[in-house]
Structures are given as C-alpha cells and as structure tokens.
Amino acid sequence: MKINSQTDIDLDFADRKRILELIPNVPAMLNTGKKHNTGVYFHDMPSDPTTGLATLEHKRAEELGFFKIDCLNVGLYKDVKNELHLVQLMNTEPVWSLLEHQEFVDKLFHVNGHHELLAKLRPQSIEDLSCVLAIIRPSKRHLADSDWNTIRNQVWVQPDNDEYFFKRSHAIAYATAVVVQMNLLCEGIV
C-alpha cells in the first residue's frame, strides 16, 4: 500500500500511555535523534535495540513508505462517559456567546489565550470555530481583522512559504473537541 506523503493522522486519547501499553508500537524519531513527542509506528519498523526508537528519522521513514500516526493526549476526553455521551456532546449546539467571556475561554482546549480574537469574530458554528483555530496559526494571522467572507475564502489556502498553517480537517476536528469541552463545562463536569 502506497501512502500519500501528505497524509497526516492524529488520534486523540484521554490517556495515550494506556493505549500504547496495549498495542505494540515503535516510537518515531526526530532528526535530532530524540523521541518524537507523539508519533508512533504500529507496523514493522526497524528500531534501535538500546533506545527502542525507530532507526529512521520520521520524515525519511515516510519517504520510504513507513506510516507514522500521532497519538495525542487530550485530557478533556476523560470526562466523557461513553460513546453515546460523546456523540451527544458533539451534536449539542453549544452556547456560542460563552466564547465572549475570557474566564470561560481560558478553560478551553486549543483556544485558551485567544479570547480577544474569539470575542471579535464571534464564531457561531464548528466551521466558524475551525476558521478561528486556523487564524491563530502564524501563516493565517493576517486574517484576524478580515470579514467572514474573506476568512472563509482564504483560510484553507496553503501558503506559499513554509509557515505553519492548520489544515481544514485538523481544524474541524479540534473545533469539534472544543465544542465537546464547552458542552462538558456547561454540564458542570469539569
């Protein structure tokens, strides 16, 4: 199977350590020779018998057809009771006006510290919130003072330079996680 070199898969876990103890894996290696913070291989991958790390730097490994998956700790999921509860939290329209209150925003995953931007743009949907998440990345910050039409037309366009930007798929996933957390907070769980 040939993997598209643009493929980037992140899996969110309440406790990644528990999952990685259950499933055999090889931790990815950075070009510095150190362990990648989140990347692992769940298939046969040459590893250093001393460190346990992959013997290939993760970008080189990708070029050779190895497939890294980033397993992320997302602590907000610890308060989700079960799959049905998660689906309900995802599908419940949050109280969007809460994003205008700094003390509420400061409790949220990924958007804490960005109260002013949220209060200015006033997102009203997961799509809007995903745009805000993209705007807080370096290559799209220039859109912070734009109208929603301009934002929607430009935020997902890949920049010409190498500045970090959020892909739409990642931004939608994180926006959905923020909505889950907003609804958890409103339930009084956290």
N, C-alpha and C. Protein backbone atom coordinates (compact mmCIF):
# COMPACT_ATOMS: atom_id res chain seq x y z
N MET A 1 0.85 -1.18 0.00
CA MET A 1 0.00 0.00 0.00
C MET A 1 0.89 1.24 0.00
N LYS A 2 0.66 2.14 -0.93
CA LYS A 2 1.40 3.39 -1.01
C LYS A 2 0.63 4.46 -0.25
N ILE A 3 1.28 5.12 0.70
CA ILE A 3 0.66 6.17 1.49
C ILE A 3 1.01 7.51 0.87
N ASN A 4 0.00 8.37 0.73
CA ASN A 4 0.21 9.73 0.25
C ASN A 4 1.10 10.46 1.24
N SER A 5 2.15 11.09 0.76
CA SER A 5 3.08 11.78 1.66
C SER A 5 2.44 12.96 2.37
N GLN A 6 1.26 13.39 1.93
CA GLN A 6 0.56 14.48 2.59
C GLN A 6 -0.37 13.96 3.69
N THR A 7 -0.46 12.65 3.84
CA THR A 7 -1.34 12.07 4.84
C THR A 7 -0.78 12.36 6.23
N ASP A 8 -1.65 12.81 7.10
CA ASP A 8 -1.26 13.13 8.47
C ASP A 8 -2.41 12.72 9.37
N ILE A 9 -2.20 11.68 10.15
CA ILE A 9 -3.27 11.19 11.01
C ILE A 9 -2.90 11.42 12.46
N ASP A 10 -3.80 12.08 13.16
CA ASP A 10 -3.69 12.29 14.60
C ASP A 10 -4.85 11.54 15.25
N LEU A 11 -4.56 10.80 16.28
CA LEU A 11 -5.60 10.13 17.07
C LEU A 11 -5.56 10.72 18.47
N ASP A 12 -6.72 11.13 18.97
CA ASP A 12 -6.82 11.73 20.29
C ASP A 12 -7.23 10.69 21.32
N PHE A 13 -6.56 10.72 22.46
CA PHE A 13 -6.87 9.79 23.55
C PHE A 13 -6.91 10.55 24.87
N ALA A 14 -7.76 10.10 25.77
CA ALA A 14 -7.78 10.69 27.11
C ALA A 14 -6.44 10.40 27.79
N ASP A 15 -5.88 9.21 27.53
CA ASP A 15 -4.59 8.83 28.11
C ASP A 15 -3.83 7.96 27.10
N ARG A 16 -2.99 8.59 26.30
CA ARG A 16 -2.27 7.88 25.24
C ARG A 16 -1.38 6.77 25.79
N LYS A 17 -0.87 6.95 26.99
CA LYS A 17 0.03 5.96 27.58
C LYS A 17 -0.68 4.61 27.72
N ARG A 18 -1.94 4.63 28.14
CA ARG A 18 -2.69 3.37 28.31
C ARG A 18 -2.84 2.65 26.97
N ILE A 19 -3.12 3.39 25.92
CA ILE A 19 -3.29 2.78 24.59
C ILE A 19 -1.97 2.19 24.12
N LEU A 20 -0.88 2.95 24.28
CA LEU A 20 0.42 2.50 23.78
C LEU A 20 0.96 1.31 24.58
N GLU A 21 0.46 1.12 25.78
CA GLU A 21 0.83 -0.08 26.55
C GLU A 21 0.11 -1.31 26.01
N LEU A 22 -1.05 -1.11 25.38
CA LEU A 22 -1.86 -2.22 24.89
C LEU A 22 -1.50 -2.66 23.48
N ILE A 23 -1.03 -1.72 22.65
CA ILE A 23 -0.78 -2.02 21.24
C ILE A 23 0.72 -1.91 20.96
N PRO A 24 1.33 -2.98 20.43
CA PRO A 24 2.76 -2.91 20.11
C PRO A 24 3.03 -1.75 19.15
N ASN A 25 4.10 -1.00 19.43
CA ASN A 25 4.42 0.14 18.59
C ASN A 25 5.90 0.47 18.71
N VAL A 26 6.39 1.27 17.77
CA VAL A 26 7.76 1.76 17.79
C VAL A 26 7.67 3.29 17.78
N PRO A 27 8.22 3.96 18.79
CA PRO A 27 8.20 5.43 18.80
C PRO A 27 9.01 6.01 17.64
N ALA A 28 8.47 7.04 17.03
CA ALA A 28 9.16 7.73 15.93
C ALA A 28 10.34 8.53 16.47
N MET A 29 11.29 8.81 15.58
CA MET A 29 12.48 9.57 15.95
C MET A 29 12.51 10.89 15.16
N LEU A 30 12.90 11.95 15.85
CA LEU A 30 13.10 13.26 15.22
C LEU A 30 14.48 13.31 14.57
N ASN A 31 14.72 14.34 13.76
CA ASN A 31 16.03 14.46 13.11
C ASN A 31 17.14 14.79 14.10
N THR A 32 16.77 15.11 15.34
CA THR A 32 17.76 15.37 16.38
C THR A 32 18.21 14.07 17.06
N GLY A 33 17.55 12.96 16.69
CA GLY A 33 17.86 11.69 17.33
C GLY A 33 17.03 11.44 18.57
N LYS A 34 16.20 12.41 18.93
CA LYS A 34 15.34 12.28 20.11
C LYS A 34 13.98 11.69 19.72
N LYS A 35 13.26 11.25 20.72
CA LYS A 35 11.94 10.67 20.53
C LYS A 35 10.95 11.74 20.08
N HIS A 36 10.15 11.40 19.08
CA HIS A 36 9.05 12.26 18.63
C HIS A 36 8.03 12.32 19.77
N ASN A 37 7.48 13.48 20.03
CA ASN A 37 6.55 13.63 21.16
C ASN A 37 5.32 12.74 21.06
N THR A 38 4.78 12.57 19.85
CA THR A 38 3.52 11.85 19.72
C THR A 38 3.53 10.74 18.68
N GLY A 39 4.48 10.74 17.76
CA GLY A 39 4.46 9.82 16.63
C GLY A 39 4.91 8.42 16.97
N VAL A 40 4.15 7.45 16.46
CA VAL A 40 4.50 6.04 16.64
C VAL A 40 4.18 5.28 15.35
N TYR A 41 4.78 4.11 15.24
CA TYR A 41 4.50 3.19 14.13
C TYR A 41 3.85 1.96 14.72
N PHE A 42 2.73 1.55 14.13
CA PHE A 42 2.02 0.37 14.59
C PHE A 42 2.27 -0.83 13.67
N HIS A 43 3.28 -0.73 12.81
CA HIS A 43 3.64 -1.82 11.91
C HIS A 43 5.13 -2.09 12.08
N ASP A 44 5.62 -3.10 11.38
CA ASP A 44 7.03 -3.43 11.48
C ASP A 44 7.87 -2.22 11.08
N MET A 45 8.76 -1.86 11.98
CA MET A 45 9.62 -0.70 11.77
C MET A 45 10.94 -1.01 12.45
N PRO A 46 12.07 -0.88 11.73
CA PRO A 46 13.36 -1.13 12.39
C PRO A 46 13.52 -0.21 13.60
N SER A 47 13.97 -0.80 14.69
CA SER A 47 14.15 0.02 15.90
C SER A 47 15.52 -0.27 16.53
N ASP A 48 16.00 0.72 17.22
CA ASP A 48 17.28 0.63 17.92
C ASP A 48 17.07 -0.23 19.17
N PRO A 49 17.81 -1.30 19.34
CA PRO A 49 17.60 -2.18 20.49
C PRO A 49 17.91 -1.51 21.83
N THR A 50 18.70 -0.46 21.81
CA THR A 50 19.05 0.23 23.05
C THR A 50 18.00 1.26 23.45
N THR A 51 17.58 2.09 22.49
CA THR A 51 16.63 3.16 22.80
C THR A 51 15.19 2.75 22.56
N GLY A 52 14.97 1.78 21.68
CA GLY A 52 13.62 1.39 21.31
C GLY A 52 13.01 2.29 20.25
N LEU A 53 13.72 3.35 19.87
CA LEU A 53 13.22 4.29 18.88
C LEU A 53 13.40 3.74 17.47
N ALA A 54 12.59 4.25 16.55
CA ALA A 54 12.76 3.92 15.14
C ALA A 54 14.19 4.28 14.73
N THR A 55 14.76 3.52 13.84
CA THR A 55 16.13 3.80 13.40
C THR A 55 16.18 4.88 12.32
N LEU A 56 15.03 5.22 11.76
CA LEU A 56 14.95 6.26 10.73
C LEU A 56 14.23 7.48 11.27
N GLU A 57 14.75 8.64 10.92
CA GLU A 57 14.07 9.89 11.25
C GLU A 57 12.70 9.85 10.57
N HIS A 58 11.67 10.40 11.22
CA HIS A 58 10.29 10.18 10.77
C HIS A 58 10.02 10.69 9.35
N LYS A 59 10.63 11.77 8.91
CA LYS A 59 10.40 12.25 7.55
C LYS A 59 11.05 11.32 6.52
N ARG A 60 12.23 10.83 6.83
CA ARG A 60 12.89 9.87 5.95
C ARG A 60 12.10 8.57 5.91
N ALA A 61 11.61 8.15 7.07
CA ALA A 61 10.80 6.93 7.14
C ALA A 61 9.55 7.05 6.26
N GLU A 62 8.93 8.23 6.27
CA GLU A 62 7.75 8.46 5.43
C GLU A 62 8.11 8.34 3.95
N GLU A 63 9.26 8.90 3.57
CA GLU A 63 9.72 8.81 2.18
C GLU A 63 9.89 7.36 1.74
N LEU A 64 10.25 6.49 2.69
CA LEU A 64 10.48 5.08 2.39
C LEU A 64 9.20 4.23 2.53
N GLY A 65 8.07 4.89 2.84
CA GLY A 65 6.80 4.18 2.89
C GLY A 65 6.32 3.78 4.27
N PHE A 66 7.05 4.16 5.31
CA PHE A 66 6.58 3.88 6.66
C PHE A 66 5.51 4.92 7.03
N PHE A 67 4.58 4.53 7.90
CA PHE A 67 3.42 5.36 8.19
C PHE A 67 3.33 5.67 9.68
N LYS A 68 3.61 6.91 10.02
CA LYS A 68 3.57 7.37 11.41
C LYS A 68 2.17 7.86 11.75
N ILE A 69 1.73 7.53 12.94
CA ILE A 69 0.47 8.05 13.46
C ILE A 69 0.79 8.80 14.74
N ASP A 70 0.24 10.01 14.86
CA ASP A 70 0.43 10.80 16.07
C ASP A 70 -0.69 10.49 17.05
N CYS A 71 -0.32 9.98 18.21
CA CYS A 71 -1.27 9.66 19.27
C CYS A 71 -1.17 10.78 20.31
N LEU A 72 -2.25 11.53 20.43
CA LEU A 72 -2.23 12.74 21.25
C LEU A 72 -3.01 12.56 22.55
N ASN A 73 -2.50 13.16 23.62
CA ASN A 73 -3.24 13.23 24.87
C ASN A 73 -4.20 14.41 24.80
N VAL A 74 -5.47 14.14 24.95
CA VAL A 74 -6.47 15.21 25.00
C VAL A 74 -7.30 14.93 26.25
N GLY A 75 -6.87 15.55 27.34
CA GLY A 75 -7.43 15.27 28.66
C GLY A 75 -8.91 15.51 28.81
N LEU A 76 -9.48 16.35 27.97
CA LEU A 76 -10.92 16.63 28.11
C LEU A 76 -11.75 15.37 27.93
N TYR A 77 -11.23 14.38 27.22
CA TYR A 77 -11.99 13.16 26.99
C TYR A 77 -12.15 12.29 28.24
N LYS A 78 -11.38 12.57 29.28
CA LYS A 78 -11.50 11.76 30.50
C LYS A 78 -12.88 11.92 31.15
N ASP A 79 -13.56 13.02 30.85
CA ASP A 79 -14.87 13.27 31.44
C ASP A 79 -16.03 12.82 30.56
N VAL A 80 -15.71 12.24 29.41
CA VAL A 80 -16.75 11.69 28.53
C VAL A 80 -17.07 10.29 29.04
N LYS A 81 -18.34 10.05 29.32
CA LYS A 81 -18.75 8.80 29.95
C LYS A 81 -18.67 7.59 29.03
N ASN A 82 -19.08 7.77 27.78
CA ASN A 82 -19.10 6.66 26.83
C ASN A 82 -19.31 7.23 25.43
N GLU A 83 -19.40 6.35 24.45
CA GLU A 83 -19.53 6.79 23.06
C GLU A 83 -20.81 7.60 22.83
N LEU A 84 -21.92 7.15 23.41
CA LEU A 84 -23.19 7.87 23.25
C LEU A 84 -23.08 9.28 23.83
N HIS A 85 -22.45 9.39 24.99
CA HIS A 85 -22.25 10.70 25.61
C HIS A 85 -21.42 11.60 24.72
N LEU A 86 -20.35 11.06 24.12
CA LEU A 86 -19.51 11.83 23.22
C LEU A 86 -20.32 12.33 22.02
N VAL A 87 -21.11 11.46 21.43
CA VAL A 87 -21.92 11.85 20.27
C VAL A 87 -22.90 12.95 20.67
N GLN A 88 -23.51 12.83 21.84
CA GLN A 88 -24.44 13.87 22.30
C GLN A 88 -23.71 15.20 22.49
N LEU A 89 -22.53 15.15 23.08
CA LEU A 89 -21.75 16.37 23.29
C LEU A 89 -21.34 17.01 21.96
N MET A 90 -21.00 16.17 20.99
CA MET A 90 -20.61 16.68 19.67
C MET A 90 -21.79 17.31 18.93
N ASN A 91 -22.98 16.74 19.11
CA ASN A 91 -24.15 17.18 18.36
C ASN A 91 -24.99 18.23 19.07
N THR A 92 -24.64 18.57 20.29
CA THR A 92 -25.36 19.61 21.01
C THR A 92 -24.80 20.97 20.64
N GLU A 93 -25.68 21.86 20.19
CA GLU A 93 -25.25 23.21 19.84
C GLU A 93 -24.79 23.90 21.12
N PRO A 94 -23.54 24.34 21.15
CA PRO A 94 -23.06 25.00 22.37
C PRO A 94 -23.61 26.42 22.50
N VAL A 95 -23.43 26.99 23.65
CA VAL A 95 -23.80 28.39 23.88
C VAL A 95 -22.62 29.22 23.37
N TRP A 96 -22.71 29.61 22.10
CA TRP A 96 -21.59 30.28 21.45
C TRP A 96 -21.20 31.58 22.14
N SER A 97 -22.16 32.26 22.74
CA SER A 97 -21.86 33.54 23.40
C SER A 97 -20.90 33.37 24.57
N LEU A 98 -20.72 32.16 25.07
CA LEU A 98 -19.75 31.94 26.15
C LEU A 98 -18.33 32.24 25.69
N LEU A 99 -18.10 32.18 24.38
CA LEU A 99 -16.76 32.47 23.85
C LEU A 99 -16.40 33.95 23.95
N GLU A 100 -17.34 34.76 24.39
CA GLU A 100 -17.08 36.19 24.61
C GLU A 100 -16.59 36.46 26.02
N HIS A 101 -16.52 35.42 26.86
CA HIS A 101 -16.13 35.57 28.26
C HIS A 101 -14.76 34.93 28.49
N GLN A 102 -13.80 35.74 28.85
CA GLN A 102 -12.42 35.29 28.99
C GLN A 102 -12.27 34.15 29.98
N GLU A 103 -12.97 34.22 31.12
CA GLU A 103 -12.81 33.16 32.12
C GLU A 103 -13.28 31.81 31.59
N PHE A 104 -14.24 31.80 30.68
CA PHE A 104 -14.70 30.56 30.05
C PHE A 104 -13.69 30.10 29.01
N VAL A 105 -13.26 31.00 28.15
CA VAL A 105 -12.31 30.67 27.08
C VAL A 105 -11.01 30.13 27.65
N ASP A 106 -10.57 30.69 28.78
CA ASP A 106 -9.31 30.25 29.38
C ASP A 106 -9.34 28.80 29.87
N LYS A 107 -10.51 28.19 29.94
CA LYS A 107 -10.65 26.79 30.35
C LYS A 107 -10.64 25.84 29.16
N LEU A 108 -10.64 26.40 27.96
CA LEU A 108 -10.85 25.58 26.77
C LEU A 108 -9.54 25.15 26.10
N PHE A 109 -9.58 23.95 25.63
CA PHE A 109 -8.53 23.31 24.84
C PHE A 109 -8.31 24.11 23.56
N HIS A 110 -7.10 24.38 23.24
CA HIS A 110 -6.65 24.96 21.97
C HIS A 110 -6.97 26.43 21.75
N VAL A 111 -7.97 26.98 22.41
CA VAL A 111 -8.30 28.39 22.17
C VAL A 111 -8.01 29.27 23.38
N ASN A 112 -7.60 28.64 24.50
CA ASN A 112 -7.30 29.47 25.67
C ASN A 112 -6.19 30.45 25.29
N GLY A 113 -6.31 31.65 25.79
CA GLY A 113 -5.36 32.70 25.46
C GLY A 113 -5.75 33.47 24.20
N HIS A 114 -6.85 33.10 23.57
CA HIS A 114 -7.28 33.78 22.34
C HIS A 114 -8.68 34.39 22.48
N HIS A 115 -8.99 34.80 23.70
CA HIS A 115 -10.31 35.37 23.98
C HIS A 115 -10.63 36.57 23.10
N GLU A 116 -9.66 37.47 22.93
CA GLU A 116 -9.92 38.69 22.15
C GLU A 116 -10.33 38.35 20.71
N LEU A 117 -9.65 37.41 20.10
CA LEU A 117 -9.99 37.01 18.73
C LEU A 117 -11.38 36.38 18.69
N LEU A 118 -11.67 35.51 19.63
CA LEU A 118 -12.98 34.87 19.67
C LEU A 118 -14.09 35.89 19.90
N ALA A 119 -13.84 36.84 20.79
CA ALA A 119 -14.84 37.87 21.07
C ALA A 119 -15.06 38.76 19.84
N LYS A 120 -14.00 39.00 19.10
CA LYS A 120 -14.11 39.85 17.90
C LYS A 120 -14.84 39.12 16.77
N LEU A 121 -14.45 37.88 16.50
CA LEU A 121 -15.02 37.15 15.37
C LEU A 121 -16.36 36.49 15.70
N ARG A 122 -16.61 36.18 16.95
CA ARG A 122 -17.88 35.61 17.42
C ARG A 122 -18.34 34.41 16.59
N PRO A 123 -17.57 33.33 16.59
CA PRO A 123 -17.97 32.14 15.81
C PRO A 123 -19.33 31.61 16.26
N GLN A 124 -20.09 31.11 15.29
CA GLN A 124 -21.44 30.60 15.56
C GLN A 124 -21.64 29.18 15.05
N SER A 125 -20.54 28.52 14.69
CA SER A 125 -20.64 27.14 14.19
C SER A 125 -19.27 26.49 14.32
N ILE A 126 -19.25 25.18 14.17
CA ILE A 126 -17.97 24.46 14.18
C ILE A 126 -17.10 24.95 13.03
N GLU A 127 -17.71 25.20 11.88
CA GLU A 127 -16.95 25.70 10.73
C GLU A 127 -16.31 27.05 11.07
N ASP A 128 -17.07 27.96 11.68
CA ASP A 128 -16.51 29.26 12.10
C ASP A 128 -15.38 29.06 13.09
N LEU A 129 -15.61 28.20 14.07
CA LEU A 129 -14.59 27.96 15.10
C LEU A 129 -13.33 27.35 14.49
N SER A 130 -13.50 26.49 13.49
CA SER A 130 -12.33 25.91 12.83
C SER A 130 -11.53 27.00 12.12
N CYS A 131 -12.21 27.98 11.56
CA CYS A 131 -11.51 29.11 10.93
C CYS A 131 -10.71 29.89 11.97
N VAL A 132 -11.29 30.11 13.14
CA VAL A 132 -10.58 30.81 14.21
C VAL A 132 -9.33 30.02 14.61
N LEU A 133 -9.47 28.71 14.73
CA LEU A 133 -8.32 27.87 15.06
C LEU A 133 -7.22 28.00 14.01
N ALA A 134 -7.60 28.12 12.76
CA ALA A 134 -6.61 28.31 11.69
C ALA A 134 -5.96 29.68 11.77
N ILE A 135 -6.74 30.69 12.13
CA ILE A 135 -6.23 32.06 12.19
C ILE A 135 -5.20 32.25 13.30
N ILE A 136 -5.28 31.45 14.34
CA ILE A 136 -4.29 31.62 15.41
C ILE A 136 -2.95 30.99 15.06
N ARG A 137 -2.86 30.35 13.88
CA ARG A 137 -1.58 29.83 13.38
C ARG A 137 -0.86 30.93 12.61
N PRO A 138 0.47 30.91 12.61
CA PRO A 138 1.26 32.03 12.05
C PRO A 138 0.89 32.46 10.63
N SER A 139 0.69 31.52 9.72
CA SER A 139 0.51 31.91 8.32
C SER A 139 -0.85 32.52 8.02
N LYS A 140 -1.78 32.43 8.95
CA LYS A 140 -3.13 32.96 8.70
C LYS A 140 -3.52 34.08 9.67
N ARG A 141 -2.59 34.49 10.51
CA ARG A 141 -2.91 35.57 11.47
C ARG A 141 -3.37 36.85 10.80
N HIS A 142 -2.89 37.08 9.58
CA HIS A 142 -3.28 38.30 8.88
C HIS A 142 -4.78 38.38 8.61
N LEU A 143 -5.49 37.27 8.74
CA LEU A 143 -6.94 37.26 8.50
C LEU A 143 -7.75 37.67 9.73
N ALA A 144 -7.09 37.90 10.85
CA ALA A 144 -7.80 38.19 12.11
C ALA A 144 -8.70 39.42 12.02
N ASP A 145 -8.35 40.37 11.19
CA ASP A 145 -9.17 41.58 11.06
C ASP A 145 -10.06 41.57 9.83
N SER A 146 -10.20 40.42 9.20
CA SER A 146 -10.99 40.31 7.97
C SER A 146 -12.45 39.98 8.28
N ASP A 147 -13.30 40.16 7.28
CA ASP A 147 -14.70 39.77 7.42
C ASP A 147 -14.82 38.27 7.17
N TRP A 148 -15.94 37.68 7.57
CA TRP A 148 -16.11 36.23 7.47
C TRP A 148 -16.01 35.73 6.03
N ASN A 149 -16.49 36.49 5.07
CA ASN A 149 -16.42 36.06 3.67
C ASN A 149 -14.95 35.91 3.24
N THR A 150 -14.13 36.90 3.56
CA THR A 150 -12.70 36.85 3.23
C THR A 150 -12.04 35.69 3.95
N ILE A 151 -12.35 35.54 5.22
CA ILE A 151 -11.76 34.45 6.01
C ILE A 151 -12.08 33.11 5.36
N ARG A 152 -13.34 32.85 5.07
CA ARG A 152 -13.74 31.55 4.51
C ARG A 152 -13.09 31.29 3.14
N ASN A 153 -12.85 32.34 2.39
CA ASN A 153 -12.23 32.18 1.07
C ASN A 153 -10.73 31.98 1.11
N GLN A 154 -10.07 32.40 2.19
CA GLN A 154 -8.61 32.37 2.22
C GLN A 154 -7.98 31.48 3.28
N VAL A 155 -8.73 31.13 4.30
CA VAL A 155 -8.10 30.46 5.45
C VAL A 155 -7.55 29.07 5.14
N TRP A 156 -8.14 28.36 4.17
CA TRP A 156 -7.69 26.99 3.88
C TRP A 156 -6.72 26.93 2.71
N VAL A 157 -6.37 28.07 2.13
CA VAL A 157 -5.42 28.10 1.03
C VAL A 157 -4.02 27.90 1.59
N GLN A 158 -3.31 26.90 1.07
CA GLN A 158 -1.96 26.62 1.55
C GLN A 158 -1.05 27.81 1.22
N PRO A 159 -0.29 28.28 2.23
CA PRO A 159 0.59 29.43 1.98
C PRO A 159 1.77 29.04 1.08
N ASP A 160 2.32 30.04 0.40
CA ASP A 160 3.48 29.82 -0.47
C ASP A 160 4.75 29.56 0.33
N ASN A 161 4.81 30.15 1.52
CA ASN A 161 6.01 29.96 2.35
C ASN A 161 5.84 28.70 3.20
N ASP A 162 6.80 28.43 4.03
CA ASP A 162 6.75 27.23 4.87
C ASP A 162 6.14 27.50 6.25
N GLU A 163 5.49 28.65 6.42
CA GLU A 163 4.90 28.94 7.72
C GLU A 163 3.82 27.92 8.06
N TYR A 164 3.74 27.61 9.34
CA TYR A 164 2.78 26.62 9.81
C TYR A 164 1.35 27.11 9.63
N PHE A 165 0.51 26.25 9.09
CA PHE A 165 -0.91 26.56 8.99
C PHE A 165 -1.69 25.30 9.31
N PHE A 166 -2.96 25.50 9.66
CA PHE A 166 -3.81 24.39 10.03
C PHE A 166 -4.57 23.90 8.81
N LYS A 167 -4.52 22.61 8.57
CA LYS A 167 -5.34 22.02 7.52
C LYS A 167 -6.79 22.01 8.00
N ARG A 168 -7.70 22.11 7.06
CA ARG A 168 -9.12 22.18 7.40
C ARG A 168 -9.56 20.96 8.23
N SER A 169 -9.11 19.78 7.83
CA SER A 169 -9.52 18.56 8.54
C SER A 169 -9.10 18.61 10.01
N HIS A 170 -7.88 19.07 10.28
CA HIS A 170 -7.43 19.18 11.66
C HIS A 170 -8.23 20.25 12.41
N ALA A 171 -8.46 21.36 11.75
CA ALA A 171 -9.18 22.46 12.40
C ALA A 171 -10.62 22.05 12.76
N ILE A 172 -11.28 21.33 11.86
CA ILE A 172 -12.65 20.85 12.14
C ILE A 172 -12.63 19.89 13.33
N ALA A 173 -11.66 18.99 13.34
CA ALA A 173 -11.56 18.03 14.45
C ALA A 173 -11.34 18.75 15.78
N TYR A 174 -10.42 19.71 15.79
CA TYR A 174 -10.17 20.44 17.03
C TYR A 174 -11.34 21.32 17.42
N ALA A 175 -12.01 21.92 16.45
CA ALA A 175 -13.19 22.73 16.75
C ALA A 175 -14.27 21.85 17.38
N THR A 176 -14.42 20.65 16.88
CA THR A 176 -15.40 19.72 17.45
C THR A 176 -15.01 19.36 18.88
N ALA A 177 -13.72 19.16 19.13
CA ALA A 177 -13.26 18.88 20.50
C ALA A 177 -13.54 20.07 21.42
N VAL A 178 -13.37 21.28 20.92
CA VAL A 178 -13.67 22.47 21.73
C VAL A 178 -15.17 22.50 22.05
N VAL A 179 -16.01 22.17 21.08
CA VAL A 179 -17.46 22.12 21.32
C VAL A 179 -17.79 21.07 22.38
N VAL A 180 -17.14 19.91 22.29
CA VAL A 180 -17.34 18.87 23.31
C VAL A 180 -16.99 19.43 24.68
N GLN A 181 -15.86 20.11 24.78
CA GLN A 181 -15.45 20.66 26.07
C GLN A 181 -16.39 21.77 26.54
N MET A 182 -16.84 22.61 25.63
CA MET A 182 -17.80 23.66 26.00
C MET A 182 -19.04 23.02 26.61
N ASN A 183 -19.53 21.97 25.98
CA ASN A 183 -20.73 21.30 26.47
C ASN A 183 -20.46 20.56 27.78
N LEU A 184 -19.27 20.00 27.94
CA LEU A 184 -18.91 19.38 29.22
C LEU A 184 -18.92 20.43 30.34
N LEU A 185 -18.35 21.58 30.05
CA LEU A 185 -18.33 22.65 31.05
C LEU A 185 -19.73 23.08 31.42
N CYS A 186 -20.61 23.14 30.44
CA CYS A 186 -21.99 23.52 30.70
C CYS A 186 -22.73 22.45 31.48
N GLU A 187 -22.31 21.20 31.33
CA GLU A 187 -22.90 20.10 32.13
C GLU A 187 -22.38 20.14 33.57
N GLY A 188 -21.34 20.94 33.78
CA GLY A 188 -20.77 21.03 35.13
C GLY A 188 -19.85 19.88 35.48
N ILE A 189 -19.33 19.17 34.45
CA ILE A 189 -18.48 18.01 34.69
C ILE A 189 -17.08 18.44 35.04
N VAL A 190 -16.58 19.45 34.36
CA VAL A 190 -15.20 19.89 34.62
C VAL A 190 -15.20 21.20 35.36
